[in-house]
Amino acid sequence: MKIINPATEQVVAEVEAADAAEVDRAVERAARACPGWRAIAPGDRARLLRRFADLVDAHAEELAQLEIANAGHTVGNARWEAGNVRDVLHFYAGAPERHHGKQIPVPGGVNVTFQEPLGVVGVIVPWNFPMVIMTWGVAPALAAGNTVIVKPAEWTPLTALRLAELALAAGLPEGVLQVLPGVGEVAGARLVEHPEVAKIVFTGSTEVGKEIAAKAAARVKRITLELGGKSANIVFADADLDKAARTAPYAVFDNAGQDCCARSRILVERGVYEEFLSRLSQAVLGVKVGDPREESTEMGPLISAEHLARVSGFVEDPYLQGSCPAGPGYWFPPTVLTSGPGDRAFTEEVFGPVVSVVPFVDEADAVRIANDTRYGLSGSIWTRDTGRALRVARAVEAGNLSVNSHSSVRYWTPFGGFKESGLGRELGPDALSAFSETKNVFLSWD
């Protein structure tokens, strides 16, 4: 597979694609490694994960530069992402010694529960945040005592491959963490179908997620799915309009809009709609799009020529567009649309730097429009009225909401979606439960 730098269109690497037979061999290695990994004392497993985190920290700049070249991320984002990988590993390094069972009062004896690892876990990673999303699945799975096979997206395998090397250097045994680059329809499909893979973690499109869920159901295989989004950014008239407008572009144009949490629908109370649109326009025109390696760059390219063509197909009559480079690279300008709720760009996940702005009448109307989607991943609510903020937060059908901010993901809090945005939750203290089975044991004292 030729790996392309999306900012230059230059080939940066060539990576051999795993076929189904190589997936089978990897699963066999992972299965052989399972008993030894789960038998490692919790404190020792924690130390290995901390050592892995420390090596990631020591190689943070190298990982960031790989992500810039492979995925077109801005240098600021890429450095944050390398730090997030380190932090997630450190967070779950604290889990093996705290993965407790329970003692439950029962007559005639003692009842205890154990948290048993599932076995071999497959983690299928998207191209938009390659090393971050990989780690969200890998870290808790390893902490719970599972072995892991990662199938990175075919466009962006470089950081996954390097992380696997760092894991070995940190002392993780052979077969505990493997990375298999390959085509989704071949390597990914075989990983999903393999009878020895106990669980699949998938982040990607809702359409592919449905296919994985159907295949997994045939074997009652455990799954965690983090899928699409079409999140709303709701701005009430009493909000701090300047802050809401100034921050709105970065809630949707970050990573060139290639983010399932992107607030790509801005709903504005009608009385301040024109004023907000004016402030938003100034902010959009100020977004700096360009060379991802430059410290001042705020938005880089789209991932591929194929994706650029798809995003372009959503835009016919823009209200406003910013600027972007004209040379090589898969560039698309920050774009504002004002078409109504029935427009395709308002209802479908564009996954690019395109935002639609529409007015609403009142609180009930805002909630109705926000919920009029098959997705339910994230969103923002801007108001100075605490009661309204709580009412709307409870009424909006989404898994991750922010009030007067755009924060969605913290590694120590749960992350996941409602409706067709996915199944299950990642991150936070409860993620271990997604990678273990509860075993109930009764000991009679008679």
Protein backbone atom coordinates (compact mmCIF):
# COMPACT_ATOMS: atom_id res chain seq x y z
CA MET A 1 0.00 0.00 0.00
CA LYS A 2 1.37 3.43 -0.98
CA ILE A 3 1.01 5.87 1.91
CA ILE A 4 0.40 9.44 0.70
CA ASN A 5 1.06 12.73 2.49
CA PRO A 6 -2.27 14.55 1.98
CA ALA A 7 -0.63 17.98 2.16
CA THR A 8 1.86 17.27 -0.63
CA GLU A 9 0.47 14.22 -2.48
CA GLN A 10 3.90 12.63 -2.14
CA VAL A 11 4.41 8.95 -1.27
CA VAL A 12 5.93 8.80 2.23
CA ALA A 13 6.03 5.02 2.66
CA GLU A 14 5.00 1.68 1.21
CA VAL A 15 3.44 -0.86 3.57
CA GLU A 16 2.64 -4.48 2.87
CA ALA A 17 -1.05 -5.28 3.22
CA ALA A 18 -1.97 -8.29 5.35
CA ASP A 19 -4.18 -10.88 3.73
CA ALA A 20 -6.65 -13.20 5.45
CA ALA A 21 -3.99 -15.85 6.03
CA GLU A 22 -1.79 -13.37 7.89
CA VAL A 23 -4.78 -12.36 10.04
CA ASP A 24 -5.24 -16.04 10.93
CA ARG A 25 -1.58 -16.32 11.93
CA ALA A 26 -1.83 -13.16 14.03
CA VAL A 27 -4.93 -14.47 15.83
CA GLU A 28 -3.09 -17.72 16.53
CA ARG A 29 -0.15 -15.78 18.03
CA ALA A 30 -2.52 -13.62 20.09
CA ALA A 31 -4.39 -16.68 21.38
CA ARG A 32 -1.12 -18.34 22.42
CA ALA A 33 -0.07 -15.17 24.25
CA CYS A 34 -3.37 -14.86 26.17
CA PRO A 35 -2.69 -17.25 29.09
CA GLY A 36 0.70 -15.75 29.85
CA TRP A 37 -0.52 -12.15 29.65
CA ARG A 38 -3.54 -12.69 31.90
CA ALA A 39 -1.30 -14.57 34.39
CA ILE A 40 1.03 -11.61 34.84
CA ALA A 41 0.45 -10.12 38.29
CA PRO A 42 -1.69 -6.95 38.14
CA GLY A 43 1.12 -4.78 39.49
CA ASP A 44 3.56 -6.10 36.90
CA ARG A 45 1.05 -5.60 34.08
CA ALA A 46 0.58 -2.04 35.31
CA ARG A 47 4.35 -1.46 35.28
CA LEU A 48 4.60 -2.68 31.69
CA LEU A 49 1.83 -0.30 30.61
CA ARG A 50 3.54 2.59 32.42
CA ARG A 51 6.80 1.73 30.70
CA PHE A 52 4.95 1.73 27.38
CA ALA A 53 3.51 5.18 28.21
CA ASP A 54 6.95 6.50 29.12
CA LEU A 55 8.40 5.29 25.81
CA VAL A 56 5.55 7.00 23.95
CA ASP A 57 6.41 10.19 25.82
CA ALA A 58 10.09 9.86 24.89
CA HIS A 59 9.11 9.42 21.22
CA ALA A 60 6.25 11.95 21.22
CA GLU A 61 7.78 14.27 18.62
CA GLU A 62 8.57 11.34 16.31
CA LEU A 63 4.97 10.11 16.58
CA ALA A 64 3.63 13.62 15.97
CA GLN A 65 5.75 14.04 12.84
CA LEU A 66 4.54 10.66 11.54
CA GLU A 67 0.93 11.77 12.02
CA ILE A 68 1.58 15.07 10.25
CA ALA A 69 3.11 13.30 7.24
CA ASN A 70 0.60 10.45 7.15
CA ALA A 71 -2.69 12.12 8.10
CA GLY A 72 -2.10 15.84 7.43
CA HIS A 73 -2.74 16.84 11.03
CA THR A 74 -1.52 20.23 12.17
CA VAL A 75 1.58 20.15 14.32
CA GLY A 76 -0.37 21.42 17.33
CA ASN A 77 -2.97 18.68 17.01
CA ALA A 78 -0.38 15.97 16.35
CA ARG A 79 1.61 16.84 19.46
CA TRP A 80 -1.57 16.86 21.54
CA GLU A 81 -2.47 13.45 20.12
CA ALA A 82 0.90 11.93 21.05
CA GLY A 83 0.37 13.29 24.56
CA ASN A 84 -3.11 11.81 24.67
CA VAL A 85 -1.73 8.36 23.78
CA ARG A 86 0.70 8.68 26.70
CA ASP A 87 -2.02 9.87 29.08
CA VAL A 88 -4.51 7.14 28.14
CA LEU A 89 -1.85 4.47 28.69
CA HIS A 90 -0.97 5.97 32.07
CA PHE A 91 -4.65 6.15 33.04
CA TYR A 92 -5.28 2.47 32.28
CA ALA A 93 -1.96 1.45 33.81
CA GLY A 94 -3.74 2.19 37.07
CA ALA A 95 -6.52 -0.26 36.23
CA PRO A 96 -5.09 -3.80 36.64
CA GLU A 97 -4.73 -3.40 40.42
CA ARG A 98 -8.21 -1.88 40.71
CA HIS A 99 -10.19 -4.24 38.49
CA HIS A 100 -12.15 -5.54 41.45
CA GLY A 101 -14.89 -8.08 41.80
CA LYS A 102 -17.55 -8.04 44.52
CA GLN A 103 -18.55 -10.04 47.56
CA ILE A 104 -22.36 -10.33 47.60
CA PRO A 105 -24.24 -11.46 50.74
CA VAL A 106 -26.11 -14.75 50.17
CA PRO A 107 -27.48 -17.42 52.52
CA GLY A 108 -25.49 -20.63 53.02
CA GLY A 109 -22.10 -19.43 51.87
CA VAL A 110 -20.09 -16.71 50.18
CA ASN A 111 -20.74 -15.24 46.73
CA VAL A 112 -17.93 -13.50 44.85
CA THR A 113 -17.50 -12.15 41.34
CA PHE A 114 -14.41 -12.08 39.14
CA GLN A 115 -13.66 -9.92 36.10
CA GLU A 116 -12.26 -12.29 33.48
CA PRO A 117 -10.57 -11.11 30.27
CA LEU A 118 -12.35 -11.92 27.02
CA GLY A 119 -9.32 -13.25 25.12
CA VAL A 120 -8.30 -11.87 21.71
CA VAL A 121 -9.65 -8.40 20.92
CA GLY A 122 -9.66 -6.84 17.45
CA VAL A 123 -9.43 -3.04 17.23
CA ILE A 124 -10.30 -1.56 13.82
CA VAL A 125 -9.06 2.03 13.64
CA PRO A 126 -10.22 4.91 11.36
CA TRP A 127 -7.98 7.30 9.44
CA ASN A 128 -9.09 10.55 11.07
CA PHE A 129 -7.36 10.15 14.48
CA PRO A 130 -5.17 7.06 13.97
CA MET A 131 -2.99 6.78 17.06
CA VAL A 132 -5.46 8.31 19.50
CA ILE A 133 -8.43 6.09 18.67
CA MET A 134 -6.17 3.03 18.48
CA THR A 135 -5.07 3.66 22.06
CA TRP A 136 -8.61 4.18 23.34
CA GLY A 137 -9.28 0.52 22.51
CA VAL A 138 -5.84 -0.94 23.13
CA ALA A 139 -5.12 0.49 26.61
CA PRO A 140 -8.20 -0.78 28.51
CA ALA A 141 -8.16 -4.08 26.61
CA LEU A 142 -4.55 -4.75 27.65
CA ALA A 143 -5.19 -3.55 31.19
CA ALA A 144 -8.06 -6.06 31.52
CA GLY A 145 -5.76 -8.92 30.49
CA ASN A 146 -6.67 -9.35 26.82
CA THR A 147 -4.35 -9.60 23.83
CA VAL A 148 -5.00 -7.17 20.98
CA ILE A 149 -4.75 -7.09 17.19
CA VAL A 150 -5.03 -3.63 15.61
CA LYS A 151 -6.15 -3.18 12.00
CA PRO A 152 -5.33 0.45 11.15
CA ALA A 153 -7.00 2.26 8.25
CA GLU A 154 -5.18 1.53 5.01
CA TRP A 155 -4.45 5.26 4.47
CA THR A 156 -2.88 5.85 7.90
CA PRO A 157 -0.98 2.87 9.36
CA LEU A 158 2.34 4.51 10.26
CA THR A 159 1.77 5.56 13.88
CA ALA A 160 0.08 2.24 14.70
CA LEU A 161 3.10 0.33 13.43
CA ARG A 162 5.46 2.51 15.45
CA LEU A 163 3.38 2.13 18.62
CA ALA A 164 3.54 -1.66 18.27
CA GLU A 165 7.35 -1.40 18.11
CA LEU A 166 7.39 0.77 21.23
CA ALA A 167 5.17 -1.74 23.06
CA LEU A 168 7.68 -4.51 22.36
CA ALA A 169 10.55 -2.24 23.43
CA ALA A 170 8.68 -1.56 26.69
CA GLY A 171 8.64 -5.29 27.44
CA LEU A 172 5.15 -6.38 26.40
CA PRO A 173 5.46 -10.04 25.39
CA GLU A 174 5.35 -11.10 21.75
CA GLY A 175 1.81 -11.54 20.51
CA VAL A 176 0.18 -9.32 23.15
CA LEU A 177 -0.14 -6.29 20.84
CA GLN A 178 0.05 -6.76 17.06
CA VAL A 179 -0.65 -4.33 14.21
CA LEU A 180 -1.83 -5.65 10.84
CA PRO A 181 -2.13 -3.02 8.08
CA GLY A 182 -4.49 -4.07 5.36
CA VAL A 183 -7.63 -3.42 3.38
CA GLY A 184 -10.82 -3.37 5.40
CA GLU A 185 -12.67 -5.75 3.11
CA VAL A 186 -9.87 -8.32 3.54
CA ALA A 187 -7.97 -7.98 6.83
CA GLY A 188 -10.74 -6.19 8.71
CA ALA A 189 -13.42 -8.57 7.53
CA ARG A 190 -11.39 -11.63 8.50
CA LEU A 191 -10.73 -10.19 11.95
CA VAL A 192 -14.48 -9.69 12.45
CA GLU A 193 -15.36 -13.17 11.22
CA HIS A 194 -12.57 -15.12 12.96
CA PRO A 195 -14.05 -17.48 15.58
CA GLU A 196 -11.13 -16.96 18.00
CA VAL A 197 -11.59 -13.17 18.16
CA ALA A 198 -13.82 -12.52 21.17
CA LYS A 199 -14.52 -8.83 20.63
CA ILE A 200 -14.33 -6.15 17.95
CA VAL A 201 -13.86 -2.45 18.66
CA PHE A 202 -14.69 -0.42 15.57
CA THR A 203 -14.62 3.31 14.93
CA GLY A 204 -15.82 4.45 11.52
CA SER A 205 -18.89 4.96 9.40
CA THR A 206 -22.35 3.88 10.51
CA GLU A 207 -22.78 1.85 7.33
CA VAL A 208 -19.68 -0.27 7.96
CA GLY A 209 -20.57 -0.47 11.66
CA LYS A 210 -23.90 -2.06 10.75
CA GLU A 211 -22.12 -4.67 8.60
CA ILE A 212 -19.74 -5.49 11.45
CA ALA A 213 -22.63 -5.76 13.92
CA ALA A 214 -24.47 -8.18 11.61
CA LYS A 215 -21.39 -10.40 11.18
CA ALA A 216 -20.59 -10.30 14.89
CA ALA A 217 -24.16 -11.26 15.76
CA ALA A 218 -23.74 -14.59 13.97
CA ARG A 219 -21.20 -15.60 16.66
CA VAL A 220 -22.61 -13.45 19.49
CA LYS A 221 -19.27 -11.64 19.34
CA ARG A 222 -18.92 -8.67 21.68
CA ILE A 223 -18.66 -5.29 19.95
CA THR A 224 -18.07 -1.65 20.75
CA LEU A 225 -19.03 0.72 17.93
CA GLU A 226 -18.23 4.43 17.69
CA LEU A 227 -19.85 5.58 14.47
CA GLY A 228 -21.03 8.71 12.70
CA GLY A 229 -22.30 12.03 13.97
CA LYS A 230 -24.18 15.12 12.91
CA SER A 231 -23.92 17.16 16.07
CA ALA A 232 -25.75 20.36 16.87
CA ASN A 233 -24.29 23.56 18.29
CA ILE A 234 -27.29 25.35 19.83
CA VAL A 235 -26.94 29.08 20.45
CA PHE A 236 -29.64 30.88 22.46
CA ALA A 237 -30.16 34.63 22.35
CA ASP A 238 -28.90 35.13 25.93
CA ALA A 239 -25.56 33.43 25.20
CA ASP A 240 -22.18 35.12 25.02
CA LEU A 241 -22.52 35.55 21.25
CA ASP A 242 -18.96 36.71 20.73
CA LYS A 243 -17.49 33.63 22.40
CA ALA A 244 -20.01 31.30 20.78
CA ALA A 245 -19.24 32.65 17.29
CA ARG A 246 -15.49 32.89 17.85
CA THR A 247 -15.21 29.25 18.95
CA ALA A 248 -17.77 27.70 16.58
CA PRO A 249 -15.36 27.29 13.61
CA TYR A 250 -12.95 25.24 15.69
CA ALA A 251 -15.79 22.97 16.83
CA VAL A 252 -16.33 21.86 13.23
CA PHE A 253 -13.18 22.73 11.23
CA ASP A 254 -10.70 21.08 13.59
CA ASN A 255 -8.90 18.30 11.70
CA ALA A 256 -10.49 19.76 8.55
CA GLY A 257 -13.92 18.66 9.82
CA GLN A 258 -12.87 15.01 9.76
CA ASP A 259 -14.24 14.41 13.23
CA CYS A 260 -17.35 12.47 14.19
CA CYS A 261 -17.92 14.99 17.02
CA ALA A 262 -17.88 17.99 14.65
CA ARG A 263 -20.65 20.47 15.47
CA SER A 264 -21.62 20.72 11.81
CA ARG A 265 -25.14 22.07 12.46
CA ILE A 266 -25.30 25.45 14.17
CA LEU A 267 -28.81 26.29 15.43
CA VAL A 268 -29.26 29.96 16.35
CA GLU A 269 -32.24 31.61 18.04
CA ARG A 270 -33.97 33.70 15.38
CA GLY A 271 -33.67 37.04 17.20
CA VAL A 272 -29.86 36.95 17.06
CA TYR A 273 -29.43 34.89 13.89
CA GLU A 274 -28.13 37.70 11.66
CA GLU A 275 -25.82 39.09 14.34
CA PHE A 276 -24.39 35.65 15.05
CA LEU A 277 -23.91 34.93 11.34
CA SER A 278 -21.97 38.18 10.96
CA ARG A 279 -19.69 37.33 13.91
CA LEU A 280 -19.28 33.75 12.69
CA SER A 281 -18.27 34.95 9.21
CA GLN A 282 -15.44 37.03 10.66
CA ALA A 283 -14.22 34.06 12.69
CA VAL A 284 -14.33 31.69 9.70
CA LEU A 285 -12.35 34.09 7.54
CA GLY A 286 -9.71 34.16 10.27
CA VAL A 287 -9.08 30.39 10.24
CA LYS A 288 -5.58 29.78 8.89
CA VAL A 289 -5.44 26.84 6.49
CA GLY A 290 -2.05 25.70 5.24
CA ASP A 291 1.12 23.72 5.80
CA PRO A 292 0.46 21.40 8.77
CA ARG A 293 4.09 21.72 9.87
CA GLU A 294 3.78 25.45 10.58
CA GLU A 295 3.00 26.31 14.21
CA SER A 296 0.39 28.93 13.25
CA THR A 297 -1.64 26.62 10.99
CA GLU A 298 -5.12 25.86 12.34
CA MET A 299 -6.46 23.54 9.63
CA GLY A 300 -4.74 21.12 7.28
CA PRO A 301 -5.86 19.13 4.22
CA LEU A 302 -8.45 16.44 3.76
CA ILE A 303 -7.13 12.89 3.81
CA SER A 304 -7.35 11.95 0.12
CA ALA A 305 -8.43 12.95 -3.38
CA GLU A 306 -11.37 10.57 -3.04
CA HIS A 307 -12.54 12.24 0.16
CA LEU A 308 -12.00 15.72 -1.30
CA ALA A 309 -14.34 14.86 -4.16
CA ARG A 310 -16.95 13.58 -1.71
CA VAL A 311 -16.86 16.72 0.47
CA SER A 312 -16.98 19.00 -2.58
CA GLY A 313 -20.16 17.25 -3.67
CA PHE A 314 -22.03 18.67 -0.66
CA VAL A 315 -21.38 22.32 -1.56
CA GLU A 316 -23.26 24.09 -4.35
CA ASP A 317 -24.10 27.62 -3.22
CA PRO A 318 -22.04 28.51 -0.12
CA TYR A 319 -22.89 31.52 2.01
CA LEU A 320 -19.20 32.01 2.77
CA GLN A 321 -15.89 30.27 2.14
CA GLY A 322 -12.50 30.95 3.64
CA SER A 323 -9.19 30.45 1.90
CA CYS A 324 -6.91 27.45 1.39
CA PRO A 325 -3.71 26.68 -0.55
CA ALA A 326 -3.98 26.27 -4.31
CA GLY A 327 -1.00 23.95 -4.85
CA PRO A 328 -0.59 20.21 -4.32
CA GLY A 329 -2.58 18.65 -1.53
CA TYR A 330 -6.20 17.79 -0.83
CA TRP A 331 -7.36 21.24 0.26
CA PHE A 332 -10.89 22.47 0.88
CA PRO A 333 -11.76 25.87 2.37
CA PRO A 334 -13.77 26.39 5.57
CA THR A 335 -17.33 26.68 4.29
CA VAL A 336 -20.57 28.10 5.73
CA LEU A 337 -23.98 27.12 4.36
CA THR A 338 -27.36 28.64 5.26
CA SER A 339 -29.63 26.15 3.53
CA GLY A 340 -32.56 24.73 5.44
CA PRO A 341 -32.97 21.54 7.51
CA GLY A 342 -34.04 19.56 4.44
CA ASP A 343 -30.75 20.12 2.66
CA ARG A 344 -28.44 17.12 2.20
CA ALA A 345 -25.49 18.93 3.81
CA PHE A 346 -27.64 19.57 6.89
CA THR A 347 -28.76 15.97 7.35
CA GLU A 348 -25.80 13.83 6.17
CA GLU A 349 -22.36 13.56 7.75
CA VAL A 350 -20.09 15.59 5.46
CA PHE A 351 -16.89 14.79 7.38
CA GLY A 352 -15.25 17.92 6.05
CA PRO A 353 -14.95 21.64 6.86
CA VAL A 354 -18.58 22.46 6.07
CA VAL A 355 -21.05 23.90 8.58
CA SER A 356 -24.75 24.69 8.15
CA VAL A 357 -26.37 27.53 10.13
CA VAL A 358 -30.15 27.65 10.61
CA PRO A 359 -32.48 29.66 12.88
CA PHE A 360 -34.87 28.27 15.48
CA VAL A 361 -37.90 29.82 17.18
CA ASP A 362 -37.73 28.69 20.82
CA GLU A 363 -36.33 26.02 23.13
CA ALA A 364 -38.71 23.31 21.96
CA ASP A 365 -37.93 24.09 18.32
CA ALA A 366 -34.18 23.92 19.01
CA VAL A 367 -34.51 20.49 20.63
CA ARG A 368 -36.71 19.26 17.79
CA ILE A 369 -34.20 20.27 15.11
CA ALA A 370 -31.23 18.96 17.13
CA ASN A 371 -32.88 15.55 17.53
CA ASP A 372 -34.09 15.31 13.93
CA THR A 373 -31.18 13.06 12.92
CA ARG A 374 -30.30 9.39 13.02
CA TYR A 375 -27.12 10.29 14.91
CA GLY A 376 -26.54 11.26 18.53
CA LEU A 377 -22.87 11.61 19.38
CA SER A 378 -22.09 15.07 20.74
CA GLY A 379 -23.16 18.71 20.76
CA SER A 380 -22.97 22.09 22.46
CA ILE A 381 -25.45 24.38 24.19
CA TRP A 382 -24.82 28.12 24.61
CA THR A 383 -26.92 29.96 27.18
CA ARG A 384 -26.50 31.91 30.43
CA ASP A 385 -29.69 30.32 31.82
CA THR A 386 -28.64 27.32 33.97
CA GLY A 387 -32.13 25.86 34.04
CA ARG A 388 -32.40 26.01 30.27
CA ALA A 389 -28.95 24.47 29.90
CA LEU A 390 -29.99 21.50 32.03
CA ARG A 391 -33.38 21.10 30.33
CA VAL A 392 -31.88 21.12 26.85
CA ALA A 393 -28.98 18.86 27.86
CA ARG A 394 -31.47 16.30 29.15
CA ALA A 395 -33.67 16.65 26.06
CA VAL A 396 -31.00 16.43 23.34
CA GLU A 397 -30.40 12.82 22.29
CA ALA A 398 -26.60 12.69 22.33
CA GLY A 399 -23.97 10.95 24.41
CA ASN A 400 -21.56 13.85 24.97
CA LEU A 401 -22.70 17.42 25.47
CA SER A 402 -20.97 20.64 26.49
CA VAL A 403 -22.51 23.81 27.89
CA ASN A 404 -20.82 27.08 26.88
CA SER A 405 -17.88 25.11 25.43
CA HIS A 406 -17.14 22.49 22.79
CA SER A 407 -15.36 19.86 24.84
CA SER A 408 -16.43 16.27 24.07
CA VAL A 409 -13.70 13.84 24.96
CA ARG A 410 -11.68 13.41 28.13
CA TYR A 411 -9.92 10.12 28.69
CA TRP A 412 -11.17 9.86 32.28
CA THR A 413 -14.88 10.27 31.33
CA PRO A 414 -17.09 8.00 29.20
CA PHE A 415 -17.44 8.61 25.47
CA GLY A 416 -20.01 7.20 23.05
CA GLY A 417 -23.22 7.90 21.20
CA PHE A 418 -26.98 7.48 21.10
CA LYS A 419 -28.98 6.06 18.18
CA GLU A 420 -26.90 5.23 15.08
CA SER A 421 -23.79 6.88 16.52
CA GLY A 422 -22.77 3.62 18.13
CA LEU A 423 -22.97 0.98 20.83
CA GLY A 424 -21.19 1.02 24.17
CA ARG A 425 -18.84 3.53 25.77
CA GLU A 426 -15.11 4.05 25.52
CA LEU A 427 -12.71 5.73 27.95
CA GLY A 428 -13.36 6.58 31.58
CA PRO A 429 -13.25 4.24 34.57
CA ASP A 430 -15.95 1.93 33.22
CA ALA A 431 -14.24 1.00 29.92
CA LEU A 432 -12.70 -2.09 31.52
CA SER A 433 -16.15 -3.65 31.76
CA ALA A 434 -16.31 -3.66 27.94
CA PHE A 435 -13.21 -5.89 27.87
CA SER A 436 -14.11 -8.40 30.57
CA GLU A 437 -16.83 -10.83 31.56
CA THR A 438 -18.29 -11.01 35.05
CA LYS A 439 -18.01 -14.48 36.55
CA ASN A 440 -20.18 -15.28 39.55
CA VAL A 441 -18.94 -17.93 42.04
CA PHE A 442 -20.84 -19.30 45.07
CA LEU A 443 -18.86 -21.09 47.80
CA SER A 444 -21.04 -23.13 50.15
CA TRP A 445 -19.92 -23.22 53.76
CA ASP A 446 -21.76 -26.47 54.46
